[in-house]
Amino acid sequence: MGRRVRRAKGALQTVKSKELYPRIFSRHAAAYKARLDEIMARQEARGRARVIELLEVRPGMKVLDLACGPGTLSKPLAALAAPGGEVVGVDLAEGMLALAREAGITNARFEVMDIERLTFGDATFDAVACGHGLQFAPDLDRALGEARRVLRPGGRFAASVPVSAGDSPAWVLIDRIIDRWLPPAPKASDQSATRSTVNDAGALEAAARGAGFAEAFVEALEEKVRWDSAEDFVARCMSWWDLAARIDGVADSRREAFRAEAITAMRQEFPGAIETSGRTHVLWAVA
């Protein structure tokens, strides 16, 4: 999904990225996993799927999954690395890691770790993945440098980054309703430089080369997501991390009023299934 909710007018709560996002993702880990499992199964998460393809993981390889969340990429990567290989997933959200461990992936392990400060030795891994995680790193250059440092010579790094939700009419409509009913989302105060870089394919390639990668390329992919109904669309949006952060702390009565209006408006405009589209950048780099 990876949608960025538009910022509403009003006072914003500002906080550092590493204080904000681990808390939000841990609180809403189960809902995040449920939605992501669904779009992966329906082959709608093209960016994440492309990351897996580009790494060309083979049996016996040791793979690092950065900002691994509930193990969405760790599981298929571990299957490709078996037998004899291993996946190590790292994340700062303990709630996400708990779900990853519960998945019971026999050749994977998961650790709380900052992707800007990896504790692994140089040239430890054959491949490094990151599915929709780089945009949360306040120091993108350092995160990319750490990915390069832990890769063996010739090893591959691939990362997907959501860039835009596009101009799908469904997002335009739901954004108007969100801004009427909900407070502004808390804002990370140290992310502007990273967001600017990952949104620009040329700048992202240059950042990867600046981090020491011998080659770096960025692909732009369109991702289309299907929602079964207005009810499904609103329910999934309310449980997704970015909108959920705006709902946290809102009184139950106001939350229910928002939900009811959103469903009614969406059903009137989109009486059947709903399709939205967005754009994702996929970075592929070679150490």
C-alpha atoms as a PDB file:
ATOM      1  CA  MET A   1       0.000   0.000   0.000  1.00  0.00           C
ATOM      2  CA  GLY A   2       2.617   2.549   1.141  1.00  0.00           C
ATOM      3  CA  ARG A   3       0.293   5.550   0.818  1.00  0.00           C
ATOM      4  CA  ARG A   4       1.352   8.865   2.273  1.00  0.00           C
ATOM      5  CA  VAL A   5      -1.642  10.566   3.898  1.00  0.00           C
ATOM      6  CA  ARG A   6      -1.870  14.233   2.955  1.00  0.00           C
ATOM      7  CA  ARG A   7      -1.072  16.605   5.798  1.00  0.00           C
ATOM      8  CA  ALA A   8      -4.070  18.373   7.289  1.00  0.00           C
ATOM      9  CA  LYS A   9      -4.140  22.001   8.392  1.00  0.00           C
ATOM     10  CA  GLY A  10      -3.559  22.700  12.058  1.00  0.00           C
ATOM     11  CA  ALA A  11      -0.928  22.166  14.705  1.00  0.00           C
ATOM     12  CA  LEU A  12       1.464  19.324  14.009  1.00  0.00           C
ATOM     13  CA  GLN A  13       3.145  17.111  16.550  1.00  0.00           C
ATOM     14  CA  THR A  14       6.812  16.889  15.544  1.00  0.00           C
ATOM     15  CA  VAL A  15       9.157  14.189  16.770  1.00  0.00           C
ATOM     16  CA  LYS A  16      12.285  12.376  15.612  1.00  0.00           C
ATOM     17  CA  SER A  17      11.801   9.506  13.171  1.00  0.00           C
ATOM     18  CA  LYS A  18      13.257   6.857  15.461  1.00  0.00           C
ATOM     19  CA  GLU A  19      10.924   7.886  18.259  1.00  0.00           C
ATOM     20  CA  LEU A  20       7.826   8.121  16.071  1.00  0.00           C
ATOM     21  CA  TYR A  21       7.831   5.219  13.626  1.00  0.00           C
ATOM     22  CA  PRO A  22       8.816   2.260  15.829  1.00  0.00           C
ATOM     23  CA  ARG A  23       5.957   3.111  18.199  1.00  0.00           C
ATOM     24  CA  ILE A  24       3.392   3.493  15.438  1.00  0.00           C
ATOM     25  CA  PHE A  25       4.429   0.355  13.587  1.00  0.00           C
ATOM     26  CA  SER A  26       4.521  -1.714  16.769  1.00  0.00           C
ATOM     27  CA  ARG A  27       1.002  -0.602  17.781  1.00  0.00           C
ATOM     28  CA  HIS A  28      -0.450  -1.413  14.379  1.00  0.00           C
ATOM     29  CA  ALA A  29       1.741  -4.364  13.410  1.00  0.00           C
ATOM     30  CA  ALA A  30      -1.070  -6.924  13.085  1.00  0.00           C
ATOM     31  CA  ALA A  31      -3.168  -4.746  10.782  1.00  0.00           C
ATOM     32  CA  TYR A  32      -0.100  -3.863   8.713  1.00  0.00           C
ATOM     33  CA  LYS A  33       0.783  -7.524   8.295  1.00  0.00           C
ATOM     34  CA  ALA A  34      -2.776  -8.524   7.363  1.00  0.00           C
ATOM     35  CA  ARG A  35      -3.027  -5.921   4.615  1.00  0.00           C
ATOM     36  CA  LEU A  36       0.477  -6.562   3.298  1.00  0.00           C
ATOM     37  CA  ASP A  37      -0.059 -10.332   3.239  1.00  0.00           C
ATOM     38  CA  GLU A  38      -3.153  -9.708   1.153  1.00  0.00           C
ATOM     39  CA  ILE A  39      -1.538  -7.497  -1.467  1.00  0.00           C
ATOM     40  CA  MET A  40       1.487  -9.791  -1.679  1.00  0.00           C
ATOM     41  CA  ALA A  41      -0.769 -12.809  -2.255  1.00  0.00           C
ATOM     42  CA  ARG A  42      -2.639 -10.912  -4.980  1.00  0.00           C
ATOM     43  CA  GLN A  43       0.685  -9.887  -6.569  1.00  0.00           C
ATOM     44  CA  GLU A  44      -0.167  -6.201  -6.148  1.00  0.00           C
ATOM     45  CA  ALA A  45       3.052  -5.301  -4.287  1.00  0.00           C
ATOM     46  CA  ARG A  46       5.127  -5.053  -7.450  1.00  0.00           C
ATOM     47  CA  GLY A  47       7.953  -3.070  -5.856  1.00  0.00           C
ATOM     48  CA  ARG A  48       8.580  -5.580  -3.099  1.00  0.00           C
ATOM     49  CA  ALA A  49       8.309  -8.473  -5.551  1.00  0.00           C
ATOM     50  CA  ARG A  50      10.855  -6.785  -7.798  1.00  0.00           C
ATOM     51  CA  VAL A  51      13.292  -6.517  -4.875  1.00  0.00           C
ATOM     52  CA  ILE A  52      13.150 -10.298  -4.466  1.00  0.00           C
ATOM     53  CA  GLU A  53      13.699 -10.838  -8.204  1.00  0.00           C
ATOM     54  CA  LEU A  54      16.674  -8.471  -8.442  1.00  0.00           C
ATOM     55  CA  LEU A  55      18.580 -10.092  -5.577  1.00  0.00           C
ATOM     56  CA  GLU A  56      18.690 -13.482  -7.346  1.00  0.00           C
ATOM     57  CA  VAL A  57      19.003 -15.323  -4.036  1.00  0.00           C
ATOM     58  CA  ARG A  58      20.232 -18.920  -4.309  1.00  0.00           C
ATOM     59  CA  PRO A  59      20.580 -21.813  -1.836  1.00  0.00           C
ATOM     60  CA  GLY A  60      23.345 -21.243   0.700  1.00  0.00           C
ATOM     61  CA  MET A  61      23.325 -17.450   0.541  1.00  0.00           C
ATOM     62  CA  LYS A  62      23.239 -15.239   3.629  1.00  0.00           C
ATOM     63  CA  VAL A  63      20.722 -12.411   3.222  1.00  0.00           C
ATOM     64  CA  LEU A  64      20.017  -9.309   5.312  1.00  0.00           C
ATOM     65  CA  ASP A  65      16.475  -7.878   5.330  1.00  0.00           C
ATOM     66  CA  LEU A  66      16.571  -4.223   6.437  1.00  0.00           C
ATOM     67  CA  ALA A  67      13.471  -2.730   8.110  1.00  0.00           C
ATOM     68  CA  CYS A  68      12.026  -6.221   7.796  1.00  0.00           C
ATOM     69  CA  GLY A  69       8.710  -5.497   9.543  1.00  0.00           C
ATOM     70  CA  PRO A  70       6.686  -8.682  10.118  1.00  0.00           C
ATOM     71  CA  GLY A  71       8.964 -10.677   7.794  1.00  0.00           C
ATOM     72  CA  THR A  72       7.096  -9.990   4.564  1.00  0.00           C
ATOM     73  CA  LEU A  73      10.217 -10.325   2.409  1.00  0.00           C
ATOM     74  CA  SER A  74      12.147 -12.454   4.886  1.00  0.00           C
ATOM     75  CA  LYS A  75       9.902 -15.460   4.314  1.00  0.00           C
ATOM     76  CA  PRO A  76      10.260 -15.734   0.501  1.00  0.00           C
ATOM     77  CA  LEU A  77      13.950 -14.824   0.701  1.00  0.00           C
ATOM     78  CA  ALA A  78      14.528 -17.566   3.276  1.00  0.00           C
ATOM     79  CA  ALA A  79      12.810 -20.085   1.016  1.00  0.00           C
ATOM     80  CA  LEU A  80      15.131 -19.115  -1.843  1.00  0.00           C
ATOM     81  CA  ALA A  81      18.225 -19.321   0.399  1.00  0.00           C
ATOM     82  CA  ALA A  82      17.384 -22.838   1.603  1.00  0.00           C
ATOM     83  CA  PRO A  83      18.987 -25.222   2.039  1.00  0.00           C
ATOM     84  CA  GLY A  84      22.105 -23.975   3.756  1.00  0.00           C
ATOM     85  CA  GLY A  85      21.316 -20.264   3.639  1.00  0.00           C
ATOM     86  CA  GLU A  86      20.007 -17.824   6.213  1.00  0.00           C
ATOM     87  CA  VAL A  87      18.034 -14.581   6.379  1.00  0.00           C
ATOM     88  CA  VAL A  88      18.588 -12.046   9.153  1.00  0.00           C
ATOM     89  CA  GLY A  89      15.824  -9.471   9.560  1.00  0.00           C
ATOM     90  CA  VAL A  90      16.367  -6.223  11.469  1.00  0.00           C
ATOM     91  CA  ASP A  91      13.904  -3.531  12.516  1.00  0.00           C
ATOM     92  CA  LEU A  92      13.360  -0.990  15.296  1.00  0.00           C
ATOM     93  CA  ALA A  93       9.673  -1.890  15.791  1.00  0.00           C
ATOM     94  CA  GLU A  94       9.507  -4.664  18.379  1.00  0.00           C
ATOM     95  CA  GLY A  95       5.851  -5.337  17.586  1.00  0.00           C
ATOM     96  CA  MET A  96       6.763  -6.100  13.990  1.00  0.00           C
ATOM     97  CA  LEU A  97       9.625  -8.378  14.992  1.00  0.00           C
ATOM     98  CA  ALA A  98       7.347 -10.326  17.323  1.00  0.00           C
ATOM     99  CA  LEU A  99       5.106 -11.188  14.364  1.00  0.00           C
ATOM    100  CA  ALA A 100       8.119 -12.089  12.221  1.00  0.00           C
ATOM    101  CA  ARG A 101       9.341 -14.534  14.872  1.00  0.00           C
ATOM    102  CA  GLU A 102       5.869 -16.056  15.196  1.00  0.00           C
ATOM    103  CA  ALA A 103       5.965 -16.955  11.493  1.00  0.00           C
ATOM    104  CA  GLY A 104       8.331 -19.820  12.347  1.00  0.00           C
ATOM    105  CA  ILE A 105      10.751 -19.353   9.451  1.00  0.00           C
ATOM    106  CA  THR A 106      13.313 -22.013  10.277  1.00  0.00           C
ATOM    107  CA  ASN A 107      16.302 -20.409   8.527  1.00  0.00           C
ATOM    108  CA  ALA A 108      15.607 -16.823   9.593  1.00  0.00           C
ATOM    109  CA  ARG A 109      16.297 -14.844  12.741  1.00  0.00           C
ATOM    110  CA  PHE A 110      15.221 -11.356  13.726  1.00  0.00           C
ATOM    111  CA  GLU A 111      16.945  -8.638  15.752  1.00  0.00           C
ATOM    112  CA  VAL A 112      16.159  -5.140  16.988  1.00  0.00           C
ATOM    113  CA  MET A 113      18.645  -2.982  15.117  1.00  0.00           C
ATOM    114  CA  ASP A 114      18.986   0.453  13.520  1.00  0.00           C
ATOM    115  CA  ILE A 115      19.646   0.189   9.768  1.00  0.00           C
ATOM    116  CA  GLU A 116      21.918   3.225  10.095  1.00  0.00           C
ATOM    117  CA  ARG A 117      24.065   1.431  12.693  1.00  0.00           C
ATOM    118  CA  LEU A 118      24.336  -2.241  11.839  1.00  0.00           C
ATOM    119  CA  THR A 119      26.340  -4.353  14.278  1.00  0.00           C
ATOM    120  CA  PHE A 120      27.467  -6.899  11.668  1.00  0.00           C
ATOM    121  CA  GLY A 121      31.012  -7.105  10.421  1.00  0.00           C
ATOM    122  CA  ASP A 122      32.145  -5.951   7.008  1.00  0.00           C
ATOM    123  CA  ALA A 123      31.312  -8.200   4.036  1.00  0.00           C
ATOM    124  CA  THR A 124      28.997 -10.453   6.069  1.00  0.00           C
ATOM    125  CA  PHE A 125      26.134 -10.876   3.583  1.00  0.00           C
ATOM    126  CA  ASP A 126      25.695 -12.043   0.003  1.00  0.00           C
ATOM    127  CA  ALA A 127      22.594  -9.883  -0.555  1.00  0.00           C
ATOM    128  CA  VAL A 128      20.717  -7.111   1.239  1.00  0.00           C
ATOM    129  CA  ALA A 129      17.018  -6.313   0.828  1.00  0.00           C
ATOM    130  CA  CYS A 130      14.822  -3.463   2.015  1.00  0.00           C
ATOM    131  CA  GLY A 131      11.095  -3.391   1.301  1.00  0.00           C
ATOM    132  CA  HIS A 132       9.564   0.056   1.776  1.00  0.00           C
ATOM    133  CA  GLY A 133      11.913   1.052   4.585  1.00  0.00           C
ATOM    134  CA  LEU A 134      14.580   3.484   3.349  1.00  0.00           C
ATOM    135  CA  GLN A 135      12.174   6.438   3.411  1.00  0.00           C
ATOM    136  CA  PHE A 136      12.067   6.219   7.212  1.00  0.00           C
ATOM    137  CA  ALA A 137      15.853   6.578   7.662  1.00  0.00           C
ATOM    138  CA  PRO A 138      16.669  10.173   8.607  1.00  0.00           C
ATOM    139  CA  ASP A 139      20.289   9.700   7.489  1.00  0.00           C
ATOM    140  CA  LEU A 140      19.847   7.988   4.124  1.00  0.00           C
ATOM    141  CA  ASP A 141      23.529   8.233   3.219  1.00  0.00           C
ATOM    142  CA  ARG A 142      24.489   6.403   6.379  1.00  0.00           C
ATOM    143  CA  ALA A 143      21.849   3.694   5.831  1.00  0.00           C
ATOM    144  CA  LEU A 144      23.068   3.114   2.283  1.00  0.00           C
ATOM    145  CA  GLY A 145      26.673   3.124   3.473  1.00  0.00           C
ATOM    146  CA  GLU A 146      25.900   0.467   6.061  1.00  0.00           C
ATOM    147  CA  ALA A 147      24.157  -1.695   3.448  1.00  0.00           C
ATOM    148  CA  ARG A 148      27.248  -1.427   1.255  1.00  0.00           C
ATOM    149  CA  ARG A 149      29.645  -2.116   4.129  1.00  0.00           C
ATOM    150  CA  VAL A 150      28.048  -5.433   5.152  1.00  0.00           C
ATOM    151  CA  LEU A 151      27.851  -6.714   1.563  1.00  0.00           C
ATOM    152  CA  ARG A 152      30.515  -8.972   0.131  1.00  0.00           C
ATOM    153  CA  PRO A 153      32.202  -7.787  -3.101  1.00  0.00           C
ATOM    154  CA  GLY A 154      29.781  -8.250  -5.975  1.00  0.00           C
ATOM    155  CA  GLY A 155      26.832  -8.645  -3.609  1.00  0.00           C
ATOM    156  CA  ARG A 156      23.485  -7.125  -4.527  1.00  0.00           C
ATOM    157  CA  PHE A 157      21.323  -4.598  -2.720  1.00  0.00           C
ATOM    158  CA  ALA A 158      17.689  -3.969  -3.711  1.00  0.00           C
ATOM    159  CA  ALA A 159      15.184  -1.659  -2.057  1.00  0.00           C
ATOM    160  CA  SER A 160      11.655  -0.513  -2.850  1.00  0.00           C
ATOM    161  CA  VAL A 161      10.396   2.927  -1.819  1.00  0.00           C
ATOM    162  CA  PRO A 162       6.825   4.263  -2.189  1.00  0.00           C
ATOM    163  CA  VAL A 163       6.943   7.555  -4.034  1.00  0.00           C
ATOM    164  CA  SER A 164       3.392   8.663  -4.719  1.00  0.00           C
ATOM    165  CA  ALA A 165      -0.172   7.491  -4.193  1.00  0.00           C
ATOM    166  CA  GLY A 166      -1.020   9.001  -7.547  1.00  0.00           C
ATOM    167  CA  ASP A 167      -4.223  10.923  -8.217  1.00  0.00           C
ATOM    168  CA  SER A 168      -6.704   8.086  -7.814  1.00  0.00           C
ATOM    169  CA  PRO A 169     -10.185   9.563  -7.230  1.00  0.00           C
ATOM    170  CA  ALA A 170     -10.640   7.286  -4.212  1.00  0.00           C
ATOM    171  CA  TRP A 171      -7.645   8.865  -2.437  1.00  0.00           C
ATOM    172  CA  VAL A 172      -8.818  12.386  -3.277  1.00  0.00           C
ATOM    173  CA  LEU A 173     -12.227  11.686  -1.762  1.00  0.00           C
ATOM    174  CA  ILE A 174     -10.999   9.932   1.388  1.00  0.00           C
ATOM    175  CA  ASP A 175      -8.391  12.667   2.003  1.00  0.00           C
ATOM    176  CA  ARG A 176     -11.121  15.323   2.083  1.00  0.00           C
ATOM    177  CA  ILE A 177     -13.066  13.340   4.676  1.00  0.00           C
ATOM    178  CA  ILE A 178      -9.951  12.592   6.742  1.00  0.00           C
ATOM    179  CA  ASP A 179      -9.046  16.272   6.938  1.00  0.00           C
ATOM    180  CA  ARG A 180     -12.537  17.202   8.145  1.00  0.00           C
ATOM    181  CA  TRP A 181     -12.645  14.631  10.938  1.00  0.00           C
ATOM    182  CA  LEU A 182      -9.133  13.830  12.107  1.00  0.00           C
ATOM    183  CA  PRO A 183      -6.207  15.765  13.570  1.00  0.00           C
ATOM    184  CA  PRO A 184      -2.968  16.152  11.602  1.00  0.00           C
ATOM    185  CA  ALA A 185      -0.623  13.189  11.547  1.00  0.00           C
ATOM    186  CA  PRO A 186       2.463  13.415  13.765  1.00  0.00           C
ATOM    187  CA  LYS A 187       5.375  14.525  11.617  1.00  0.00           C
ATOM    188  CA  ALA A 188       8.970  13.349  11.713  1.00  0.00           C
ATOM    189  CA  SER A 189      11.155  16.449  11.967  1.00  0.00           C
ATOM    190  CA  ASP A 190      14.267  14.880  10.427  1.00  0.00           C
ATOM    191  CA  GLN A 191      13.000  13.298   7.211  1.00  0.00           C
ATOM    192  CA  SER A 192      12.789  15.984   4.561  1.00  0.00           C
ATOM    193  CA  ALA A 193      16.190  15.287   2.998  1.00  0.00           C
ATOM    194  CA  THR A 194      15.566  11.546   2.777  1.00  0.00           C
ATOM    195  CA  ARG A 195      12.093  11.968   1.285  1.00  0.00           C
ATOM    196  CA  SER A 196      13.430  14.374  -1.320  1.00  0.00           C
ATOM    197  CA  THR A 197      16.167  11.949  -2.360  1.00  0.00           C
ATOM    198  CA  VAL A 198      14.080   8.765  -2.599  1.00  0.00           C
ATOM    199  CA  ASN A 199      11.414  10.588  -4.621  1.00  0.00           C
ATOM    200  CA  ASP A 200      14.007  11.537  -7.262  1.00  0.00           C
ATOM    201  CA  ALA A 201      15.312   8.513  -9.211  1.00  0.00           C
ATOM    202  CA  GLY A 202      18.516  10.277 -10.251  1.00  0.00           C
ATOM    203  CA  ALA A 203      19.237  11.504  -6.733  1.00  0.00           C
ATOM    204  CA  LEU A 204      18.636   8.028  -5.308  1.00  0.00           C
ATOM    205  CA  GLU A 205      21.034   6.465  -7.811  1.00  0.00           C
ATOM    206  CA  ALA A 206      23.630   9.108  -6.987  1.00  0.00           C
ATOM    207  CA  ALA A 207      23.211   8.491  -3.255  1.00  0.00           C
ATOM    208  CA  ALA A 208      23.822   4.760  -3.745  1.00  0.00           C
ATOM    209  CA  ARG A 209      26.971   5.404  -5.775  1.00  0.00           C
ATOM    210  CA  GLY A 210      28.091   7.925  -3.175  1.00  0.00           C
ATOM    211  CA  ALA A 211      27.720   5.194  -0.554  1.00  0.00           C
ATOM    212  CA  GLY A 212      30.293   3.095  -2.416  1.00  0.00           C
ATOM    213  CA  PHE A 213      28.207   0.898  -4.714  1.00  0.00           C
ATOM    214  CA  ALA A 214      29.913   0.206  -8.039  1.00  0.00           C
ATOM    215  CA  GLU A 215      26.613   0.218  -9.932  1.00  0.00           C
ATOM    216  CA  ALA A 216      23.207   1.644  -9.106  1.00  0.00           C
ATOM    217  CA  PHE A 217      19.948   1.870 -11.057  1.00  0.00           C
ATOM    218  CA  VAL A 218      16.398   2.904 -10.172  1.00  0.00           C
ATOM    219  CA  GLU A 219      13.241   1.549 -11.787  1.00  0.00           C
ATOM    220  CA  ALA A 220       9.875   3.328 -11.513  1.00  0.00           C
ATOM    221  CA  LEU A 221       6.918   0.955 -11.198  1.00  0.00           C
ATOM    222  CA  GLU A 222       3.180   1.552 -11.069  1.00  0.00           C
ATOM    223  CA  GLU A 223       1.340  -0.434  -8.411  1.00  0.00           C
ATOM    224  CA  LYS A 224      -2.401  -1.022  -8.674  1.00  0.00           C
ATOM    225  CA  VAL A 225      -4.313  -2.209  -5.630  1.00  0.00           C
ATOM    226  CA  ARG A 226      -7.859  -3.601  -5.587  1.00  0.00           C
ATOM    227  CA  TRP A 227     -10.262  -3.070  -2.694  1.00  0.00           C
ATOM    228  CA  ASP A 228     -13.343  -5.291  -2.561  1.00  0.00           C
ATOM    229  CA  SER A 229     -15.772  -2.558  -1.493  1.00  0.00           C
ATOM    230  CA  ALA A 230     -16.104   0.835   0.165  1.00  0.00           C
ATOM    231  CA  GLU A 231     -16.277  -0.926   3.530  1.00  0.00           C
ATOM    232  CA  ASP A 232     -13.058  -2.805   2.800  1.00  0.00           C
ATOM    233  CA  PHE A 233     -11.313   0.365   1.627  1.00  0.00           C
ATOM    234  CA  VAL A 234     -12.233   2.376   4.723  1.00  0.00           C
ATOM    235  CA  ALA A 235     -11.505  -0.449   7.180  1.00  0.00           C
ATOM    236  CA  ARG A 236      -8.077  -1.110   5.700  1.00  0.00           C
ATOM    237  CA  CYS A 237      -7.216   2.583   5.574  1.00  0.00           C
ATOM    238  CA  MET A 238      -8.195   3.071   9.220  1.00  0.00           C
ATOM    239  CA  SER A 239      -5.917   0.256  10.321  1.00  0.00           C
ATOM    240  CA  TRP A 240      -2.954   1.191   8.101  1.00  0.00           C
ATOM    241  CA  TRP A 241      -0.138   2.818  10.025  1.00  0.00           C
ATOM    242  CA  ASP A 242      -0.258   6.360   8.632  1.00  0.00           C
ATOM    243  CA  LEU A 243      -3.998   6.914   9.035  1.00  0.00           C
ATOM    244  CA  ALA A 244      -4.045   4.903  12.260  1.00  0.00           C
ATOM    245  CA  ALA A 245      -1.576   7.424  13.682  1.00  0.00           C
ATOM    246  CA  ARG A 246      -4.156  10.157  13.110  1.00  0.00           C
ATOM    247  CA  ILE A 247      -6.939   8.091  14.685  1.00  0.00           C
ATOM    248  CA  ASP A 248      -4.938   7.248  17.821  1.00  0.00           C
ATOM    249  CA  GLY A 249      -6.406   9.185  20.724  1.00  0.00           C
ATOM    250  CA  VAL A 250      -9.582  10.244  18.869  1.00  0.00           C
ATOM    251  CA  ALA A 251     -12.780   9.612  20.842  1.00  0.00           C
ATOM    252  CA  ASP A 252     -14.700   6.483  19.853  1.00  0.00           C
ATOM    253  CA  SER A 253     -17.759   8.523  18.883  1.00  0.00           C
ATOM    254  CA  ARG A 254     -15.773  10.717  16.503  1.00  0.00           C
ATOM    255  CA  ARG A 255     -13.934   7.724  15.085  1.00  0.00           C
ATOM    256  CA  GLU A 256     -17.242   5.988  14.356  1.00  0.00           C
ATOM    257  CA  ALA A 257     -18.714   9.130  12.814  1.00  0.00           C
ATOM    258  CA  PHE A 258     -15.694   9.429  10.527  1.00  0.00           C
ATOM    259  CA  ARG A 259     -15.968   5.766   9.543  1.00  0.00           C
ATOM    260  CA  ALA A 260     -19.687   6.035   8.790  1.00  0.00           C
ATOM    261  CA  GLU A 261     -19.328   9.156   6.643  1.00  0.00           C
ATOM    262  CA  ALA A 262     -16.336   7.725   4.804  1.00  0.00           C
ATOM    263  CA  ILE A 263     -18.136   4.488   3.955  1.00  0.00           C
ATOM    264  CA  THR A 264     -21.267   6.316   2.809  1.00  0.00           C
ATOM    265  CA  ALA A 265     -19.326   8.731   0.596  1.00  0.00           C
ATOM    266  CA  MET A 266     -17.116   6.015  -0.873  1.00  0.00           C
ATOM    267  CA  ARG A 267     -20.075   3.720  -1.545  1.00  0.00           C
ATOM    268  CA  GLN A 268     -21.940   6.494  -3.368  1.00  0.00           C
ATOM    269  CA  GLU A 269     -18.945   7.313  -5.541  1.00  0.00           C
ATOM    270  CA  PHE A 270     -17.670   3.740  -5.960  1.00  0.00           C
ATOM    271  CA  PRO A 271     -20.561   1.253  -5.604  1.00  0.00           C
ATOM    272  CA  GLY A 272     -18.435  -1.815  -6.382  1.00  0.00           C
ATOM    273  CA  ALA A 273     -14.773  -2.734  -6.135  1.00  0.00           C
ATOM    274  CA  ILE A 274     -12.254   0.117  -5.987  1.00  0.00           C
ATOM    275  CA  GLU A 275      -8.870   0.296  -7.725  1.00  0.00           C
ATOM    276  CA  THR A 276      -6.126   2.700  -6.705  1.00  0.00           C
ATOM    277  CA  SER A 277      -2.679   3.210  -8.171  1.00  0.00           C
ATOM    278  CA  GLY A 278       0.623   4.573  -6.979  1.00  0.00           C
ATOM    279  CA  ARG A 279       4.262   4.742  -7.968  1.00  0.00           C
ATOM    280  CA  THR A 280       7.233   2.975  -6.409  1.00  0.00           C
ATOM    281  CA  HIS A 281      10.958   3.361  -6.958  1.00  0.00           C
ATOM    282  CA  VAL A 282      13.090   0.226  -6.860  1.00  0.00           C
ATOM    283  CA  LEU A 283      16.806   0.698  -6.313  1.00  0.00           C
ATOM    284  CA  TRP A 284      19.197  -2.038  -7.444  1.00  0.00           C
ATOM    285  CA  ALA A 285      22.887  -1.682  -6.604  1.00  0.00           C
ATOM    286  CA  VAL A 286      25.983  -3.877  -6.776  1.00  0.00           C
ATOM    287  CA  ALA A 287      28.827  -3.709  -4.255  1.00  0.00           C
END
